[in-house]
Amino acid sequence: MFGVLRQWMRLIPQQEIDSHLLVTEGEHVIDVVRHHPIVYLRPVLEVVLAVLLWVVAVVGPIDLGWFFILAGVALIGHAAWRSLSEHMDVFVVTNMRVFRARGVFSVRIATMPISRILDITVEKPLVGRLLGYGHFVFESAAQAQGLRDIRYIGDPDGRDLTIQRVVQQSGLRGPRQPIGRADGRGGRA
């Protein structure tokens, strides 16, 4: 069964991440983050509603059958579009920057160098804590709006640690210094 599913998944287009990398500068991918599966809940509900509309078209009044069939087709189209646009929205962490690539027909790339990341806020609503997703809010020196809010990230704490590790390894925050006493003798106050 999974082999058939894998073959079908190959038909779905993917974001071309490698074409956005600065390979000659030594940039490589650390993490590729796709949305948590919860983003597909609404499209699935739309498909269920479309099937119900088709059932009503068959068993309901014949004069309105065409309306229910067309409404079902429209819902299926909207669900497919929404699923594909969520699938094509990718957040990438490299050793030099973070970027977000999104779009189905036209692709929009929002980039932020690692050196510009000032703060990352991880928001985890109650449902997100139960299901394992959260949201990132980036604060940067340039306030790149395309990367300000990244919603529905799976394992947000792990992804936050990955970004913090990349920032630390890049040497932008300097080596860790021990906290000394106020009187200058070292150790904790």
N, C-alpha and C. Protein backbone atom coordinates (compact mmCIF):
# COMPACT_ATOMS: atom_id res chain seq x y z
N MET A 1 0.81 -1.19 0.00
CA MET A 1 0.00 0.00 0.00
C MET A 1 0.87 1.26 0.00
N PHE A 2 1.94 1.27 0.81
CA PHE A 2 2.79 2.45 0.88
C PHE A 2 3.56 2.66 -0.42
N GLY A 3 3.85 1.58 -1.15
CA GLY A 3 4.51 1.72 -2.44
C GLY A 3 3.64 2.46 -3.44
N VAL A 4 2.36 2.16 -3.43
CA VAL A 4 1.42 2.86 -4.31
C VAL A 4 1.31 4.33 -3.91
N LEU A 5 1.25 4.57 -2.60
CA LEU A 5 1.17 5.94 -2.11
C LEU A 5 2.43 6.72 -2.48
N ARG A 6 3.59 6.09 -2.38
CA ARG A 6 4.84 6.74 -2.76
C ARG A 6 4.86 7.10 -4.25
N GLN A 7 4.31 6.21 -5.08
CA GLN A 7 4.26 6.50 -6.51
C GLN A 7 3.35 7.69 -6.79
N TRP A 8 2.24 7.76 -6.11
CA TRP A 8 1.34 8.90 -6.28
C TRP A 8 1.98 10.19 -5.80
N MET A 9 2.75 10.11 -4.71
CA MET A 9 3.39 11.30 -4.16
C MET A 9 4.45 11.86 -5.11
N ARG A 10 5.02 11.02 -5.96
CA ARG A 10 6.00 11.50 -6.94
C ARG A 10 5.36 12.42 -7.98
N LEU A 11 4.05 12.28 -8.17
CA LEU A 11 3.36 13.12 -9.14
C LEU A 11 3.14 14.54 -8.62
N ILE A 12 3.21 14.71 -7.31
CA ILE A 12 3.00 16.04 -6.72
C ILE A 12 4.29 16.84 -6.88
N PRO A 13 4.19 18.05 -7.42
CA PRO A 13 5.41 18.85 -7.60
C PRO A 13 6.05 19.22 -6.27
N GLN A 14 7.36 19.41 -6.29
CA GLN A 14 8.14 19.76 -5.10
C GLN A 14 8.78 21.13 -5.33
N GLN A 15 9.06 21.83 -4.24
CA GLN A 15 9.82 23.08 -4.35
C GLN A 15 11.26 22.73 -4.70
N GLU A 16 11.84 23.45 -5.62
CA GLU A 16 13.21 23.22 -6.06
C GLU A 16 14.17 23.97 -5.14
N ILE A 17 14.46 23.39 -4.00
CA ILE A 17 15.28 24.05 -2.98
C ILE A 17 16.72 24.21 -3.44
N ASP A 18 17.26 23.18 -4.08
CA ASP A 18 18.67 23.21 -4.48
C ASP A 18 18.99 24.37 -5.43
N SER A 19 18.01 24.78 -6.23
CA SER A 19 18.28 25.88 -7.17
C SER A 19 18.42 27.23 -6.46
N HIS A 20 18.05 27.31 -5.19
CA HIS A 20 18.15 28.57 -4.44
C HIS A 20 19.38 28.62 -3.54
N LEU A 21 20.18 27.56 -3.53
CA LEU A 21 21.36 27.51 -2.66
C LEU A 21 22.56 28.17 -3.32
N LEU A 22 23.40 28.77 -2.50
CA LEU A 22 24.67 29.34 -2.96
C LEU A 22 25.76 28.28 -2.79
N VAL A 23 25.74 27.31 -3.65
CA VAL A 23 26.64 26.16 -3.53
C VAL A 23 28.10 26.58 -3.65
N THR A 24 28.39 27.52 -4.53
CA THR A 24 29.77 27.96 -4.71
C THR A 24 30.31 28.67 -3.47
N GLU A 25 29.43 29.17 -2.62
CA GLU A 25 29.83 29.83 -1.37
C GLU A 25 29.88 28.86 -0.20
N GLY A 26 29.56 27.59 -0.45
CA GLY A 26 29.60 26.59 0.61
C GLY A 26 28.31 26.43 1.39
N GLU A 27 27.22 26.94 0.85
CA GLU A 27 25.93 26.83 1.55
C GLU A 27 25.37 25.42 1.38
N HIS A 28 24.88 24.86 2.48
CA HIS A 28 24.22 23.56 2.42
C HIS A 28 23.01 23.55 3.36
N VAL A 29 22.08 22.67 3.05
CA VAL A 29 20.82 22.59 3.79
C VAL A 29 21.04 21.88 5.12
N ILE A 30 20.54 22.48 6.19
CA ILE A 30 20.56 21.87 7.51
C ILE A 30 19.22 21.19 7.78
N ASP A 31 18.12 21.88 7.45
CA ASP A 31 16.79 21.34 7.72
C ASP A 31 15.79 21.90 6.72
N VAL A 32 14.91 21.05 6.23
CA VAL A 32 13.80 21.45 5.38
C VAL A 32 12.53 21.21 6.19
N VAL A 33 11.77 22.27 6.39
CA VAL A 33 10.60 22.21 7.26
C VAL A 33 9.34 22.37 6.42
N ARG A 34 8.51 21.36 6.46
CA ARG A 34 7.19 21.45 5.83
C ARG A 34 6.16 21.64 6.93
N HIS A 35 4.97 22.02 6.52
CA HIS A 35 3.92 22.24 7.51
C HIS A 35 3.50 20.93 8.18
N HIS A 36 3.00 21.07 9.39
CA HIS A 36 2.43 19.94 10.14
C HIS A 36 1.20 19.44 9.37
N PRO A 37 0.91 18.14 9.43
CA PRO A 37 -0.25 17.60 8.71
C PRO A 37 -1.59 18.22 9.09
N ILE A 38 -1.66 18.96 10.18
CA ILE A 38 -2.92 19.59 10.58
C ILE A 38 -3.41 20.57 9.52
N VAL A 39 -2.51 21.11 8.69
CA VAL A 39 -2.92 22.07 7.67
C VAL A 39 -3.77 21.41 6.59
N TYR A 40 -3.74 20.09 6.53
CA TYR A 40 -4.54 19.39 5.52
C TYR A 40 -5.92 19.01 6.05
N LEU A 41 -6.24 19.37 7.29
CA LEU A 41 -7.54 19.04 7.86
C LEU A 41 -8.67 19.73 7.11
N ARG A 42 -8.53 21.01 6.83
CA ARG A 42 -9.59 21.73 6.12
C ARG A 42 -9.81 21.17 4.71
N PRO A 43 -8.77 20.93 3.91
CA PRO A 43 -9.02 20.32 2.61
C PRO A 43 -9.70 18.94 2.71
N VAL A 44 -9.34 18.15 3.71
CA VAL A 44 -9.98 16.84 3.88
C VAL A 44 -11.46 17.03 4.20
N LEU A 45 -11.78 17.98 5.05
CA LEU A 45 -13.18 18.26 5.37
C LEU A 45 -13.94 18.75 4.14
N GLU A 46 -13.28 19.52 3.29
CA GLU A 46 -13.92 19.97 2.05
C GLU A 46 -14.21 18.79 1.13
N VAL A 47 -13.31 17.83 1.06
CA VAL A 47 -13.55 16.63 0.24
C VAL A 47 -14.72 15.83 0.80
N VAL A 48 -14.79 15.69 2.12
CA VAL A 48 -15.91 14.97 2.75
C VAL A 48 -17.22 15.68 2.43
N LEU A 49 -17.23 17.01 2.51
CA LEU A 49 -18.43 17.76 2.18
C LEU A 49 -18.81 17.59 0.71
N ALA A 50 -17.81 17.55 -0.17
CA ALA A 50 -18.08 17.34 -1.60
C ALA A 50 -18.73 15.98 -1.83
N VAL A 51 -18.23 14.96 -1.15
CA VAL A 51 -18.83 13.62 -1.29
C VAL A 51 -20.28 13.64 -0.79
N LEU A 52 -20.51 14.32 0.32
CA LEU A 52 -21.89 14.44 0.83
C LEU A 52 -22.79 15.17 -0.16
N LEU A 53 -22.26 16.21 -0.80
CA LEU A 53 -23.04 16.91 -1.82
C LEU A 53 -23.36 16.01 -3.00
N TRP A 54 -22.42 15.15 -3.38
CA TRP A 54 -22.69 14.22 -4.48
C TRP A 54 -23.74 13.19 -4.09
N VAL A 55 -23.71 12.76 -2.85
CA VAL A 55 -24.75 11.83 -2.37
C VAL A 55 -26.11 12.51 -2.41
N VAL A 56 -26.17 13.77 -1.99
CA VAL A 56 -27.43 14.52 -2.05
C VAL A 56 -27.87 14.68 -3.50
N ALA A 57 -26.92 14.86 -4.42
CA ALA A 57 -27.27 14.99 -5.84
C ALA A 57 -27.92 13.72 -6.37
N VAL A 58 -27.49 12.57 -5.85
CA VAL A 58 -28.03 11.30 -6.32
C VAL A 58 -29.39 11.00 -5.68
N VAL A 59 -29.51 11.22 -4.38
CA VAL A 59 -30.75 10.84 -3.68
C VAL A 59 -31.71 12.01 -3.51
N GLY A 60 -31.28 13.23 -3.75
CA GLY A 60 -32.11 14.41 -3.54
C GLY A 60 -32.97 14.72 -4.75
N PRO A 61 -33.51 15.92 -4.76
CA PRO A 61 -34.38 16.33 -5.87
C PRO A 61 -33.60 16.41 -7.19
N ILE A 62 -34.18 15.85 -8.20
CA ILE A 62 -33.50 15.75 -9.50
C ILE A 62 -33.28 17.12 -10.13
N ASP A 63 -34.16 18.07 -9.83
CA ASP A 63 -34.02 19.40 -10.41
C ASP A 63 -32.78 20.13 -9.91
N LEU A 64 -32.33 19.82 -8.70
CA LEU A 64 -31.17 20.49 -8.12
C LEU A 64 -29.91 19.63 -8.14
N GLY A 65 -29.97 18.46 -8.74
CA GLY A 65 -28.82 17.57 -8.77
C GLY A 65 -27.59 18.20 -9.39
N TRP A 66 -27.78 18.94 -10.48
CA TRP A 66 -26.65 19.59 -11.15
C TRP A 66 -25.94 20.57 -10.23
N PHE A 67 -26.71 21.29 -9.40
CA PHE A 67 -26.11 22.26 -8.48
C PHE A 67 -25.20 21.57 -7.47
N PHE A 68 -25.67 20.47 -6.89
CA PHE A 68 -24.87 19.75 -5.90
C PHE A 68 -23.62 19.13 -6.52
N ILE A 69 -23.74 18.66 -7.76
CA ILE A 69 -22.58 18.09 -8.45
C ILE A 69 -21.53 19.18 -8.71
N LEU A 70 -21.97 20.34 -9.22
CA LEU A 70 -21.03 21.43 -9.48
C LEU A 70 -20.41 21.97 -8.20
N ALA A 71 -21.22 22.07 -7.15
CA ALA A 71 -20.68 22.54 -5.86
C ALA A 71 -19.63 21.56 -5.34
N GLY A 72 -19.88 20.25 -5.51
CA GLY A 72 -18.90 19.24 -5.10
C GLY A 72 -17.61 19.34 -5.89
N VAL A 73 -17.73 19.55 -7.20
CA VAL A 73 -16.53 19.69 -8.04
C VAL A 73 -15.74 20.94 -7.62
N ALA A 74 -16.45 22.04 -7.34
CA ALA A 74 -15.77 23.26 -6.90
C ALA A 74 -15.06 23.04 -5.57
N LEU A 75 -15.69 22.33 -4.65
CA LEU A 75 -15.05 22.05 -3.37
C LEU A 75 -13.82 21.17 -3.54
N ILE A 76 -13.90 20.17 -4.41
CA ILE A 76 -12.74 19.31 -4.67
C ILE A 76 -11.60 20.14 -5.26
N GLY A 77 -11.91 21.03 -6.20
CA GLY A 77 -10.89 21.89 -6.78
C GLY A 77 -10.24 22.80 -5.75
N HIS A 78 -11.07 23.38 -4.88
CA HIS A 78 -10.52 24.26 -3.84
C HIS A 78 -9.66 23.48 -2.86
N ALA A 79 -10.10 22.29 -2.49
CA ALA A 79 -9.32 21.46 -1.56
C ALA A 79 -7.98 21.07 -2.18
N ALA A 80 -7.99 20.73 -3.47
CA ALA A 80 -6.74 20.36 -4.14
C ALA A 80 -5.79 21.56 -4.20
N TRP A 81 -6.32 22.73 -4.53
CA TRP A 81 -5.49 23.93 -4.59
C TRP A 81 -4.89 24.26 -3.23
N ARG A 82 -5.71 24.20 -2.20
CA ARG A 82 -5.23 24.52 -0.85
C ARG A 82 -4.17 23.53 -0.38
N SER A 83 -4.40 22.25 -0.67
CA SER A 83 -3.42 21.23 -0.28
C SER A 83 -2.09 21.44 -1.00
N LEU A 84 -2.18 21.72 -2.29
CA LEU A 84 -0.95 21.93 -3.07
C LEU A 84 -0.21 23.18 -2.62
N SER A 85 -0.93 24.25 -2.32
CA SER A 85 -0.25 25.47 -1.88
C SER A 85 0.40 25.27 -0.50
N GLU A 86 -0.21 24.49 0.38
CA GLU A 86 0.42 24.19 1.67
C GLU A 86 1.64 23.29 1.48
N HIS A 87 1.53 22.35 0.55
CA HIS A 87 2.65 21.44 0.29
C HIS A 87 3.85 22.18 -0.30
N MET A 88 3.58 23.20 -1.09
CA MET A 88 4.66 23.94 -1.75
C MET A 88 5.24 25.06 -0.88
N ASP A 89 4.72 25.24 0.32
CA ASP A 89 5.24 26.24 1.25
C ASP A 89 6.29 25.57 2.13
N VAL A 90 7.55 25.89 1.90
CA VAL A 90 8.67 25.21 2.55
C VAL A 90 9.56 26.24 3.25
N PHE A 91 9.97 25.91 4.46
CA PHE A 91 10.90 26.73 5.23
C PHE A 91 12.21 25.97 5.31
N VAL A 92 13.31 26.62 4.92
CA VAL A 92 14.60 25.94 4.81
C VAL A 92 15.63 26.65 5.71
N VAL A 93 16.37 25.85 6.46
CA VAL A 93 17.46 26.36 7.29
C VAL A 93 18.76 25.87 6.66
N THR A 94 19.64 26.81 6.32
CA THR A 94 20.95 26.44 5.80
C THR A 94 22.01 26.93 6.78
N ASN A 95 23.26 26.66 6.46
CA ASN A 95 24.34 27.12 7.33
C ASN A 95 24.58 28.63 7.21
N MET A 96 23.97 29.30 6.23
CA MET A 96 24.18 30.72 6.02
C MET A 96 22.93 31.58 6.21
N ARG A 97 21.75 30.99 6.04
CA ARG A 97 20.52 31.78 6.07
C ARG A 97 19.32 30.87 6.29
N VAL A 98 18.20 31.49 6.49
CA VAL A 98 16.92 30.79 6.48
C VAL A 98 16.11 31.40 5.34
N PHE A 99 15.36 30.57 4.65
CA PHE A 99 14.49 31.12 3.61
C PHE A 99 13.21 30.32 3.52
N ARG A 100 12.22 30.99 2.97
CA ARG A 100 10.91 30.39 2.79
C ARG A 100 10.56 30.47 1.32
N ALA A 101 10.26 29.33 0.73
CA ALA A 101 9.84 29.27 -0.66
C ALA A 101 8.39 28.83 -0.69
N ARG A 102 7.56 29.61 -1.35
CA ARG A 102 6.15 29.24 -1.44
C ARG A 102 5.58 29.68 -2.77
N GLY A 103 4.54 29.01 -3.16
CA GLY A 103 3.87 29.32 -4.41
C GLY A 103 3.78 28.09 -5.29
N VAL A 104 2.70 28.02 -6.05
CA VAL A 104 2.48 26.87 -6.92
C VAL A 104 2.96 27.19 -8.32
N PHE A 105 2.40 28.21 -8.95
CA PHE A 105 2.80 28.57 -10.30
C PHE A 105 3.93 29.60 -10.30
N SER A 106 3.80 30.62 -9.49
CA SER A 106 4.89 31.58 -9.32
C SER A 106 5.42 31.41 -7.91
N VAL A 107 6.72 31.35 -7.78
CA VAL A 107 7.36 31.06 -6.50
C VAL A 107 7.87 32.36 -5.89
N ARG A 108 7.60 32.52 -4.61
CA ARG A 108 8.08 33.68 -3.86
C ARG A 108 9.09 33.19 -2.83
N ILE A 109 10.27 33.81 -2.83
CA ILE A 109 11.34 33.44 -1.92
C ILE A 109 11.58 34.61 -0.96
N ALA A 110 11.51 34.33 0.33
CA ALA A 110 11.85 35.32 1.35
C ALA A 110 13.07 34.80 2.09
N THR A 111 14.11 35.61 2.18
CA THR A 111 15.39 35.17 2.73
C THR A 111 15.80 36.06 3.90
N MET A 112 16.43 35.43 4.90
CA MET A 112 17.01 36.18 6.01
C MET A 112 18.36 35.55 6.35
N PRO A 113 19.44 36.33 6.27
CA PRO A 113 20.74 35.79 6.68
C PRO A 113 20.73 35.44 8.17
N ILE A 114 21.51 34.46 8.53
CA ILE A 114 21.60 34.04 9.93
C ILE A 114 22.00 35.21 10.82
N SER A 115 22.85 36.09 10.29
CA SER A 115 23.34 37.22 11.09
C SER A 115 22.24 38.22 11.44
N ARG A 116 21.12 38.20 10.75
CA ARG A 116 20.03 39.16 11.01
C ARG A 116 19.00 38.64 12.00
N ILE A 117 19.08 37.38 12.36
CA ILE A 117 18.10 36.83 13.29
C ILE A 117 18.42 37.33 14.69
N LEU A 118 17.53 38.13 15.24
CA LEU A 118 17.71 38.65 16.59
C LEU A 118 17.00 37.78 17.62
N ASP A 119 15.80 37.34 17.28
CA ASP A 119 15.00 36.60 18.24
C ASP A 119 14.01 35.72 17.50
N ILE A 120 13.76 34.55 18.04
CA ILE A 120 12.73 33.66 17.52
C ILE A 120 11.77 33.37 18.67
N THR A 121 10.52 33.69 18.45
CA THR A 121 9.48 33.36 19.42
C THR A 121 8.77 32.11 18.93
N VAL A 122 8.67 31.11 19.79
CA VAL A 122 7.95 29.89 19.45
C VAL A 122 6.62 29.94 20.18
N GLU A 123 5.54 29.98 19.41
CA GLU A 123 4.20 29.98 19.98
C GLU A 123 3.61 28.59 19.83
N LYS A 124 3.11 28.04 20.94
CA LYS A 124 2.50 26.71 20.91
C LYS A 124 1.12 26.79 21.56
N PRO A 125 0.07 26.90 20.75
CA PRO A 125 -1.27 26.90 21.33
C PRO A 125 -1.58 25.54 21.95
N LEU A 126 -2.64 25.47 22.75
CA LEU A 126 -2.97 24.23 23.45
C LEU A 126 -3.14 23.07 22.47
N VAL A 127 -3.89 23.28 21.41
CA VAL A 127 -4.08 22.20 20.42
C VAL A 127 -2.75 21.85 19.78
N GLY A 128 -1.91 22.84 19.52
CA GLY A 128 -0.59 22.59 18.96
C GLY A 128 0.30 21.78 19.88
N ARG A 129 0.20 22.04 21.17
CA ARG A 129 0.99 21.26 22.13
C ARG A 129 0.53 19.81 22.14
N LEU A 130 -0.77 19.60 22.02
CA LEU A 130 -1.29 18.23 22.01
C LEU A 130 -0.93 17.49 20.73
N LEU A 131 -0.95 18.20 19.60
CA LEU A 131 -0.70 17.55 18.31
C LEU A 131 0.73 17.70 17.81
N GLY A 132 1.56 18.49 18.49
CA GLY A 132 2.97 18.58 18.13
C GLY A 132 3.30 19.62 17.09
N TYR A 133 2.60 20.75 17.07
CA TYR A 133 2.96 21.82 16.15
C TYR A 133 3.00 23.15 16.89
N GLY A 134 3.59 24.12 16.24
CA GLY A 134 3.67 25.46 16.80
C GLY A 134 3.94 26.46 15.69
N HIS A 135 4.15 27.70 16.08
CA HIS A 135 4.38 28.78 15.12
C HIS A 135 5.66 29.51 15.49
N PHE A 136 6.40 29.96 14.47
CA PHE A 136 7.59 30.78 14.68
C PHE A 136 7.24 32.23 14.39
N VAL A 137 7.75 33.12 15.21
CA VAL A 137 7.69 34.55 14.93
C VAL A 137 9.13 35.05 14.99
N PHE A 138 9.64 35.48 13.84
CA PHE A 138 11.02 35.95 13.74
C PHE A 138 11.08 37.45 13.97
N GLU A 139 12.04 37.86 14.77
CA GLU A 139 12.37 39.28 14.91
C GLU A 139 13.76 39.43 14.32
N SER A 140 13.88 40.34 13.37
CA SER A 140 15.18 40.52 12.73
C SER A 140 15.52 41.99 12.64
N ALA A 141 16.77 42.25 12.32
CA ALA A 141 17.23 43.63 12.17
C ALA A 141 16.52 44.31 11.00
N ALA A 142 16.22 43.57 9.97
CA ALA A 142 15.60 44.16 8.78
C ALA A 142 14.09 43.96 8.75
N GLN A 143 13.54 43.17 9.68
CA GLN A 143 12.11 42.86 9.71
C GLN A 143 11.61 42.37 8.36
N ALA A 144 12.21 41.31 7.85
CA ALA A 144 11.78 40.71 6.60
C ALA A 144 10.38 40.13 6.78
N GLN A 145 9.39 40.77 6.18
CA GLN A 145 8.01 40.40 6.42
C GLN A 145 7.66 39.02 5.87
N GLY A 146 8.33 38.56 4.85
CA GLY A 146 8.04 37.24 4.31
C GLY A 146 8.42 36.12 5.25
N LEU A 147 9.26 36.42 6.22
CA LEU A 147 9.71 35.41 7.18
C LEU A 147 9.27 35.72 8.60
N ARG A 148 8.44 36.69 8.79
CA ARG A 148 8.06 37.07 10.15
C ARG A 148 7.26 35.96 10.82
N ASP A 149 6.24 35.46 10.18
CA ASP A 149 5.39 34.42 10.76
C ASP A 149 5.47 33.15 9.93
N ILE A 150 5.92 32.07 10.56
CA ILE A 150 5.92 30.75 9.94
C ILE A 150 4.98 29.91 10.80
N ARG A 151 3.86 29.52 10.23
CA ARG A 151 2.81 28.87 11.01
C ARG A 151 2.78 27.37 10.76
N TYR A 152 2.30 26.65 11.76
CA TYR A 152 2.08 25.20 11.72
C TYR A 152 3.36 24.43 11.41
N ILE A 153 4.35 24.61 12.26
CA ILE A 153 5.63 23.92 12.16
C ILE A 153 5.59 22.70 13.08
N GLY A 154 5.90 21.53 12.53
CA GLY A 154 6.00 20.33 13.36
C GLY A 154 7.27 20.37 14.19
N ASP A 155 7.22 19.85 15.41
CA ASP A 155 8.34 19.84 16.35
C ASP A 155 9.00 21.21 16.46
N PRO A 156 8.25 22.22 16.90
CA PRO A 156 8.80 23.58 16.92
C PRO A 156 10.01 23.74 17.85
N ASP A 157 10.03 23.02 18.96
CA ASP A 157 11.18 23.14 19.87
C ASP A 157 12.45 22.60 19.23
N GLY A 158 12.34 21.45 18.57
CA GLY A 158 13.50 20.87 17.88
C GLY A 158 13.99 21.76 16.76
N ARG A 159 13.06 22.35 16.02
CA ARG A 159 13.43 23.24 14.92
C ARG A 159 14.07 24.53 15.46
N ASP A 160 13.57 25.02 16.58
CA ASP A 160 14.16 26.20 17.21
C ASP A 160 15.59 25.91 17.64
N LEU A 161 15.81 24.74 18.25
CA LEU A 161 17.17 24.36 18.66
C LEU A 161 18.10 24.24 17.46
N THR A 162 17.58 23.73 16.34
CA THR A 162 18.39 23.62 15.13
C THR A 162 18.84 25.00 14.67
N ILE A 163 17.92 25.95 14.64
CA ILE A 163 18.28 27.31 14.21
C ILE A 163 19.25 27.94 15.20
N GLN A 164 19.02 27.76 16.48
CA GLN A 164 19.94 28.32 17.49
C GLN A 164 21.33 27.71 17.36
N ARG A 165 21.39 26.42 17.06
CA ARG A 165 22.67 25.74 16.87
C ARG A 165 23.41 26.30 15.66
N VAL A 166 22.67 26.55 14.57
CA VAL A 166 23.30 27.12 13.37
C VAL A 166 23.82 28.52 13.66
N VAL A 167 23.05 29.32 14.38
CA VAL A 167 23.50 30.67 14.73
C VAL A 167 24.75 30.59 15.60
N GLN A 168 24.75 29.69 16.57
CA GLN A 168 25.91 29.55 17.46
C GLN A 168 27.14 29.07 16.70
N GLN A 169 26.96 28.08 15.82
CA GLN A 169 28.09 27.53 15.07
C GLN A 169 28.65 28.53 14.06
N SER A 170 27.82 29.47 13.64
CA SER A 170 28.32 30.47 12.70
C SER A 170 29.23 31.48 13.38
N GLY A 171 29.26 31.47 14.72
CA GLY A 171 30.16 32.35 15.46
C GLY A 171 29.63 33.75 15.63
N LEU A 172 28.36 33.97 15.33
CA LEU A 172 27.81 35.32 15.41
C LEU A 172 27.58 35.78 16.84
N ARG A 173 27.38 34.85 17.74
CA ARG A 173 27.12 35.23 19.13
C ARG A 173 28.36 35.09 19.99
N GLY A 174 29.45 34.65 19.42
CA GLY A 174 30.70 34.52 20.16
C GLY A 174 30.70 33.31 21.06
N PRO A 175 31.86 32.98 21.63
CA PRO A 175 31.94 31.82 22.51
C PRO A 175 31.19 32.09 23.81
N ARG A 176 30.78 31.04 24.44
CA ARG A 176 30.04 31.15 25.69
C ARG A 176 31.00 31.61 26.79
N GLN A 177 30.63 32.63 27.52
CA GLN A 177 31.44 33.18 28.59
C GLN A 177 30.84 32.77 29.93
N PRO A 178 31.68 32.35 30.89
CA PRO A 178 31.13 32.04 32.21
C PRO A 178 30.66 33.31 32.90
N ILE A 179 29.64 33.16 33.71
CA ILE A 179 29.10 34.30 34.44
C ILE A 179 29.92 34.47 35.71
N GLY A 180 30.53 35.63 35.88
CA GLY A 180 31.38 35.88 37.04
C GLY A 180 30.63 36.63 38.13
N ARG A 181 31.27 36.71 39.28
CA ARG A 181 30.69 37.44 40.41
C ARG A 181 30.86 38.93 40.20
N ALA A 182 30.07 39.69 40.88
CA ALA A 182 30.13 41.14 40.75
C ALA A 182 31.44 41.70 41.28
N ASP A 183 32.09 41.00 42.22
CA ASP A 183 33.34 41.51 42.79
C ASP A 183 34.56 41.10 41.97
N GLY A 184 34.35 40.39 40.83
CA GLY A 184 35.45 40.04 39.94
C GLY A 184 36.20 38.78 40.31
N ARG A 185 35.80 38.03 41.33
CA ARG A 185 36.54 36.84 41.76
C ARG A 185 36.10 35.58 41.02
N GLY A 186 35.17 35.65 40.06
CA GLY A 186 34.73 34.46 39.33
C GLY A 186 33.67 33.72 40.09
N GLY A 187 33.13 32.70 39.47
CA GLY A 187 32.07 31.91 40.10
C GLY A 187 30.76 32.67 40.13
N ARG A 188 29.78 32.06 40.73
CA ARG A 188 28.44 32.67 40.80
C ARG A 188 28.33 33.55 42.03
N ALA A 189 27.56 34.60 41.88
CA ALA A 189 27.37 35.55 42.98
C ALA A 189 26.45 34.99 44.04
